[in-house]
């Protein structure tokens, strides 16, 4: 958000609004279960629609 607004205060209030006006904050509770699901879905979508990028991620992850 900071890259978009170029203003720290505006970025803060945008993030605050995101957490207060959506259920976004719930992804950080209960052992991050929702966050893990989001990452799984994101990984699957990349593997389906961007297989070359997925291969790159897998190779990079193997090096770590």
PDB file of N, CA and C in Angstrom:
ATOM      1  N   UNK A   1       0.822  -1.179   0.000  1.00  0.00           N
ATOM      2  CA  UNK A   1       0.000   0.000   0.000  1.00  0.00           C
ATOM      3  C   UNK A   1       0.871   1.249   0.000  1.00  0.00           C
ATOM      4  N   UNK A   2       2.006   1.131   0.644  1.00  0.00           N
ATOM      5  CA  UNK A   2       2.907   2.281   0.683  1.00  0.00           C
ATOM      6  C   UNK A   2       3.425   2.613  -0.714  1.00  0.00           C
ATOM      7  N   UNK A   3       3.669   1.586  -1.516  1.00  0.00           N
ATOM      8  CA  UNK A   3       4.125   1.841  -2.881  1.00  0.00           C
ATOM      9  C   UNK A   3       3.046   2.517  -3.712  1.00  0.00           C
ATOM     10  N   UNK A   4       1.796   2.245  -3.414  1.00  0.00           N
ATOM     11  CA  UNK A   4       0.695   2.843  -4.169  1.00  0.00           C
ATOM     12  C   UNK A   4       0.434   4.275  -3.714  1.00  0.00           C
ATOM     13  N   UNK A   5       0.407   4.493  -2.404  1.00  0.00           N
ATOM     14  CA  UNK A   5       0.034   5.805  -1.893  1.00  0.00           C
ATOM     15  C   UNK A   5       1.220   6.755  -1.733  1.00  0.00           C
ATOM     16  N   UNK A   6       2.404   6.184  -1.551  1.00  0.00           N
ATOM     17  CA  UNK A   6       3.605   6.987  -1.259  1.00  0.00           C
ATOM     18  C   UNK A   6       3.427   7.867  -0.021  1.00  0.00           C
ATOM     19  N   UNK A   7       2.573   7.393   0.895  1.00  0.00           N
ATOM     20  CA  UNK A   7       2.311   8.146   2.116  1.00  0.00           C
ATOM     21  C   UNK A   7       2.077   7.145   3.243  1.00  0.00           C
ATOM     22  N   UNK A   8       2.906   7.192   4.280  1.00  0.00           N
ATOM     23  CA  UNK A   8       2.807   6.219   5.371  1.00  0.00           C
ATOM     24  C   UNK A   8       1.478   6.309   6.110  1.00  0.00           C
ATOM     25  N   UNK A   9       1.008   7.509   6.363  1.00  0.00           N
ATOM     26  CA  UNK A   9      -0.237   7.665   7.102  1.00  0.00           C
ATOM     27  C   UNK A   9      -1.427   7.124   6.305  1.00  0.00           C
ATOM     28  N   UNK A  10      -1.481   7.441   5.018  1.00  0.00           N
ATOM     29  CA  UNK A  10      -2.561   6.917   4.178  1.00  0.00           C
ATOM     30  C   UNK A  10      -2.506   5.390   4.120  1.00  0.00           C
ATOM     31  N   UNK A  11      -1.313   4.835   4.005  1.00  0.00           N
ATOM     32  CA  UNK A  11      -1.145   3.386   3.964  1.00  0.00           C
ATOM     33  C   UNK A  11      -1.643   2.744   5.248  1.00  0.00           C
ATOM     34  N   UNK A  12      -1.326   3.357   6.372  1.00  0.00           N
ATOM     35  CA  UNK A  12      -1.769   2.844   7.667  1.00  0.00           C
ATOM     36  C   UNK A  12      -3.288   2.802   7.739  1.00  0.00           C
ATOM     37  N   UNK A  13      -3.947   3.900   7.355  1.00  0.00           N
ATOM     38  CA  UNK A  13      -5.398   3.953   7.459  1.00  0.00           C
ATOM     39  C   UNK A  13      -6.083   3.046   6.440  1.00  0.00           C
ATOM     40  N   UNK A  14      -5.477   2.840   5.284  1.00  0.00           N
ATOM     41  CA  UNK A  14      -6.019   1.867   4.333  1.00  0.00           C
ATOM     42  C   UNK A  14      -5.959   0.460   4.916  1.00  0.00           C
ATOM     43  N   UNK A  15      -4.829   0.115   5.521  1.00  0.00           N
ATOM     44  CA  UNK A  15      -4.684  -1.207   6.132  1.00  0.00           C
ATOM     45  C   UNK A  15      -5.639  -1.369   7.313  1.00  0.00           C
ATOM     46  N   UNK A  16      -5.758  -0.334   8.110  1.00  0.00           N
ATOM     47  CA  UNK A  16      -6.685  -0.364   9.241  1.00  0.00           C
ATOM     48  C   UNK A  16      -8.115  -0.585   8.752  1.00  0.00           C
ATOM     49  N   UNK A  17      -8.505   0.124   7.704  1.00  0.00           N
ATOM     50  CA  UNK A  17      -9.841  -0.045   7.140  1.00  0.00           C
ATOM     51  C   UNK A  17     -10.061  -1.447   6.611  1.00  0.00           C
ATOM     52  N   UNK A  18      -9.026  -2.011   6.007  1.00  0.00           N
ATOM     53  CA  UNK A  18      -9.116  -3.372   5.499  1.00  0.00           C
ATOM     54  C   UNK A  18      -9.402  -4.357   6.630  1.00  0.00           C
ATOM     55  N   UNK A  19      -8.742  -4.184   7.744  1.00  0.00           N
ATOM     56  CA  UNK A  19      -8.942  -5.095   8.877  1.00  0.00           C
ATOM     57  C   UNK A  19     -10.260  -4.846   9.591  1.00  0.00           C
ATOM     58  N   UNK A  20     -10.683  -3.595   9.679  1.00  0.00           N
ATOM     59  CA  UNK A  20     -11.908  -3.283  10.414  1.00  0.00           C
ATOM     60  C   UNK A  20     -13.179  -3.567   9.615  1.00  0.00           C
ATOM     61  N   UNK A  21     -13.122  -3.424   8.305  1.00  0.00           N
ATOM     62  CA  UNK A  21     -14.339  -3.505   7.494  1.00  0.00           C
ATOM     63  C   UNK A  21     -14.493  -4.824   6.730  1.00  0.00           C
ATOM     64  N   UNK A  22     -13.580  -5.736   6.941  1.00  0.00           N
ATOM     65  CA  UNK A  22     -13.684  -7.047   6.305  1.00  0.00           C
ATOM     66  C   UNK A  22     -13.381  -8.106   7.350  1.00  0.00           C
ATOM     67  N   UNK A  23     -13.471  -9.332   6.954  1.00  0.00           N
ATOM     68  CA  UNK A  23     -13.127 -10.431   7.854  1.00  0.00           C
ATOM     69  C   UNK A  23     -11.676 -10.854   7.640  1.00  0.00           C
ATOM     70  N   UNK A  24     -10.897  -9.959   7.030  1.00  0.00           N
ATOM     71  CA  UNK A  24      -9.515 -10.242   6.685  1.00  0.00           C
ATOM     72  C   UNK A  24      -8.680 -10.636   7.905  1.00  0.00           C
ATOM     73  N   UNK A  25      -8.939 -10.012   9.034  1.00  0.00           N
ATOM     74  CA  UNK A  25      -8.134 -10.288  10.225  1.00  0.00           C
ATOM     75  C   UNK A  25      -8.320 -11.716  10.737  1.00  0.00           C
ATOM     76  N   UNK A  26      -9.401 -12.374  10.347  1.00  0.00           N
ATOM     77  CA  UNK A  26      -9.647 -13.734  10.839  1.00  0.00           C
ATOM     78  C   UNK A  26      -8.640 -14.741  10.286  1.00  0.00           C
ATOM     79  N   UNK A  27      -7.896 -14.391   9.246  1.00  0.00           N
ATOM     80  CA  UNK A  27      -6.918 -15.348   8.721  1.00  0.00           C
ATOM     81  C   UNK A  27      -5.736 -15.518   9.659  1.00  0.00           C
ATOM     82  N   UNK A  28      -5.614 -14.639  10.638  1.00  0.00           N
ATOM     83  CA  UNK A  28      -4.479 -14.705  11.550  1.00  0.00           C
ATOM     84  C   UNK A  28      -4.795 -15.370  12.878  1.00  0.00           C
ATOM     85  N   UNK A  29      -5.973 -15.962  13.014  1.00  0.00           N
ATOM     86  CA  UNK A  29      -6.323 -16.627  14.272  1.00  0.00           C
ATOM     87  C   UNK A  29      -6.373 -18.140  14.070  1.00  0.00           C
ATOM     88  N   UNK A  30      -6.439 -18.859  15.156  1.00  0.00           N
ATOM     89  CA  UNK A  30      -6.559 -20.322  15.166  1.00  0.00           C
ATOM     90  C   UNK A  30      -5.457 -20.993  14.359  1.00  0.00           C
ATOM     91  N   UNK A  31      -4.240 -20.796  14.750  1.00  0.00           N
ATOM     92  CA  UNK A  31      -3.070 -21.444  14.147  1.00  0.00           C
ATOM     93  C   UNK A  31      -2.935 -21.157  12.659  1.00  0.00           C
ATOM     94  N   UNK A  32      -3.413 -20.018  12.228  1.00  0.00           N
ATOM     95  CA  UNK A  32      -3.285 -19.551  10.842  1.00  0.00           C
ATOM     96  C   UNK A  32      -3.913 -20.511   9.831  1.00  0.00           C
ATOM     97  N   UNK A  33      -4.973 -21.184  10.215  1.00  0.00           N
ATOM     98  CA  UNK A  33      -5.613 -22.170   9.349  1.00  0.00           C
ATOM     99  C   UNK A  33      -6.073 -21.550   8.037  1.00  0.00           C
ATOM    100  N   UNK A  34      -6.756 -20.413   8.103  1.00  0.00           N
ATOM    101  CA  UNK A  34      -7.239 -19.774   6.872  1.00  0.00           C
ATOM    102  C   UNK A  34      -6.079 -19.306   6.002  1.00  0.00           C
ATOM    103  N   UNK A  35      -5.040 -18.798   6.625  1.00  0.00           N
ATOM    104  CA  UNK A  35      -3.880 -18.337   5.865  1.00  0.00           C
ATOM    105  C   UNK A  35      -3.228 -19.514   5.135  1.00  0.00           C
ATOM    106  N   UNK A  36      -3.126 -20.644   5.801  1.00  0.00           N
ATOM    107  CA  UNK A  36      -2.564 -21.839   5.168  1.00  0.00           C
ATOM    108  C   UNK A  36      -3.410 -22.280   3.978  1.00  0.00           C
ATOM    109  N   UNK A  37      -4.727 -22.179   4.104  1.00  0.00           N
ATOM    110  CA  UNK A  37      -5.614 -22.526   2.993  1.00  0.00           C
ATOM    111  C   UNK A  37      -5.408 -21.568   1.836  1.00  0.00           C
ATOM    112  N   UNK A  38      -5.307 -20.264   2.122  1.00  0.00           N
ATOM    113  CA  UNK A  38      -5.077 -19.278   1.066  1.00  0.00           C
ATOM    114  C   UNK A  38      -3.769 -19.554   0.331  1.00  0.00           C
ATOM    115  N   UNK A  39      -2.719 -19.881   1.068  1.00  0.00           N
ATOM    116  CA  UNK A  39      -1.445 -20.182   0.428  1.00  0.00           C
ATOM    117  C   UNK A  39      -1.533 -21.457  -0.415  1.00  0.00           C
ATOM    118  N   UNK A  40      -2.253 -22.445   0.059  1.00  0.00           N
ATOM    119  CA  UNK A  40      -2.432 -23.676  -0.710  1.00  0.00           C
ATOM    120  C   UNK A  40      -3.149 -23.384  -2.030  1.00  0.00           C
ATOM    121  N   UNK A  41      -4.236 -22.615  -1.954  1.00  0.00           N
ATOM    122  CA  UNK A  41      -4.995 -22.271  -3.159  1.00  0.00           C
ATOM    123  C   UNK A  41      -4.121 -21.456  -4.110  1.00  0.00           C
ATOM    124  N   UNK A  42      -3.378 -20.496  -3.570  1.00  0.00           N
ATOM    125  CA  UNK A  42      -2.487 -19.676  -4.384  1.00  0.00           C
ATOM    126  C   UNK A  42      -1.449 -20.549  -5.098  1.00  0.00           C
ATOM    127  N   UNK A  43      -0.870 -21.474  -4.375  1.00  0.00           N
ATOM    128  CA  UNK A  43       0.123 -22.385  -4.959  1.00  0.00           C
ATOM    129  C   UNK A  43      -0.492 -23.243  -6.064  1.00  0.00           C
ATOM    130  N   UNK A  44      -1.697 -23.752  -5.835  1.00  0.00           N
ATOM    131  CA  UNK A  44      -2.382 -24.556  -6.851  1.00  0.00           C
ATOM    132  C   UNK A  44      -2.687 -23.726  -8.093  1.00  0.00           C
ATOM    133  N   UNK A  45      -3.149 -22.507  -7.911  1.00  0.00           N
ATOM    134  CA  UNK A  45      -3.462 -21.656  -9.064  1.00  0.00           C
ATOM    135  C   UNK A  45      -2.211 -21.359  -9.881  1.00  0.00           C
ATOM    136  N   UNK A  46      -1.110 -21.100  -9.203  1.00  0.00           N
ATOM    137  CA  UNK A  46       0.148 -20.868  -9.919  1.00  0.00           C
ATOM    138  C   UNK A  46       0.563 -22.123 -10.674  1.00  0.00           C
ATOM    139  N   UNK A  47       0.438 -23.273 -10.046  1.00  0.00           N
ATOM    140  CA  UNK A  47       0.847 -24.511 -10.725  1.00  0.00           C
ATOM    141  C   UNK A  47      -0.018 -24.796 -11.952  1.00  0.00           C
ATOM    142  N   UNK A  48      -1.280 -24.410 -11.915  1.00  0.00           N
ATOM    143  CA  UNK A  48      -2.180 -24.651 -13.039  1.00  0.00           C
ATOM    144  C   UNK A  48      -1.992 -23.624 -14.149  1.00  0.00           C
ATOM    145  N   UNK A  49      -1.971 -22.350 -13.783  1.00  0.00           N
ATOM    146  CA  UNK A  49      -1.985 -21.287 -14.782  1.00  0.00           C
ATOM    147  C   UNK A  49      -0.610 -20.740 -15.151  1.00  0.00           C
ATOM    148  N   UNK A  50       0.379 -20.938 -14.286  1.00  0.00           N
ATOM    149  CA  UNK A  50       1.734 -20.450 -14.542  1.00  0.00           C
ATOM    150  C   UNK A  50       2.746 -21.547 -14.220  1.00  0.00           C
ATOM    151  N   UNK A  51       2.736 -22.620 -14.982  1.00  0.00           N
ATOM    152  CA  UNK A  51       3.593 -23.766 -14.638  1.00  0.00           C
ATOM    153  C   UNK A  51       5.085 -23.441 -14.647  1.00  0.00           C
ATOM    154  N   UNK A  52       5.529 -22.556 -15.522  1.00  0.00           N
ATOM    155  CA  UNK A  52       6.955 -22.201 -15.533  1.00  0.00           C
ATOM    156  C   UNK A  52       7.348 -21.486 -14.245  1.00  0.00           C
ATOM    157  N   UNK A  53       6.488 -20.600 -13.784  1.00  0.00           N
ATOM    158  CA  UNK A  53       6.755 -19.913 -12.521  1.00  0.00           C
ATOM    159  C   UNK A  53       6.738 -20.908 -11.371  1.00  0.00           C
ATOM    160  N   UNK A  54       5.815 -21.841 -11.405  1.00  0.00           N
ATOM    161  CA  UNK A  54       5.748 -22.867 -10.368  1.00  0.00           C
ATOM    162  C   UNK A  54       7.037 -23.684 -10.327  1.00  0.00           C
ATOM    163  N   UNK A  55       7.543 -24.064 -11.492  1.00  0.00           N
ATOM    164  CA  UNK A  55       8.805 -24.809 -11.565  1.00  0.00           C
ATOM    165  C   UNK A  55       9.937 -23.994 -10.964  1.00  0.00           C
ATOM    166  N   UNK A  56       9.962 -22.716 -11.287  1.00  0.00           N
ATOM    167  CA  UNK A  56      10.996 -21.839 -10.725  1.00  0.00           C
ATOM    168  C   UNK A  56      10.894 -21.796  -9.198  1.00  0.00           C
ATOM    169  N   UNK A  57       9.679 -21.663  -8.682  1.00  0.00           N
ATOM    170  CA  UNK A  57       9.486 -21.641  -7.229  1.00  0.00           C
ATOM    171  C   UNK A  57       9.950 -22.949  -6.595  1.00  0.00           C
ATOM    172  N   UNK A  58       9.631 -24.061  -7.234  1.00  0.00           N
ATOM    173  CA  UNK A  58      10.006 -25.366  -6.684  1.00  0.00           C
ATOM    174  C   UNK A  58      11.529 -25.522  -6.654  1.00  0.00           C
ATOM    175  N   UNK A  59      12.194 -25.116  -7.713  1.00  0.00           N
ATOM    176  CA  UNK A  59      13.664 -25.201  -7.762  1.00  0.00           C
ATOM    177  C   UNK A  59      14.277 -24.288  -6.707  1.00  0.00           C
ATOM    178  N   UNK A  60      13.739 -23.074  -6.598  1.00  0.00           N
ATOM    179  CA  UNK A  60      14.259 -22.125  -5.600  1.00  0.00           C
ATOM    180  C   UNK A  60      14.036 -22.647  -4.193  1.00  0.00           C
ATOM    181  N   UNK A  61      12.894 -23.263  -3.948  1.00  0.00           N
ATOM    182  CA  UNK A  61      12.580 -23.801  -2.633  1.00  0.00           C
ATOM    183  C   UNK A  61      13.498 -24.977  -2.294  1.00  0.00           C
ATOM    184  N   UNK A  62      13.861 -25.775  -3.284  1.00  0.00           N
ATOM    185  CA  UNK A  62      14.758 -26.908  -3.055  1.00  0.00           C
ATOM    186  C   UNK A  62      16.162 -26.448  -2.664  1.00  0.00           C
ATOM    187  N   UNK A  63      16.542 -25.261  -3.102  1.00  0.00           N
ATOM    188  CA  UNK A  63      17.870 -24.743  -2.801  1.00  0.00           C
ATOM    189  C   UNK A  63      17.984 -24.226  -1.370  1.00  0.00           C
ATOM    190  N   UNK A  64      16.838 -23.945  -0.768  1.00  0.00           N
ATOM    191  CA  UNK A  64      16.842 -23.373   0.591  1.00  0.00           C
ATOM    192  C   UNK A  64      17.083 -24.415   1.631  1.00  0.00           C
TER     193      UNK A  64
END
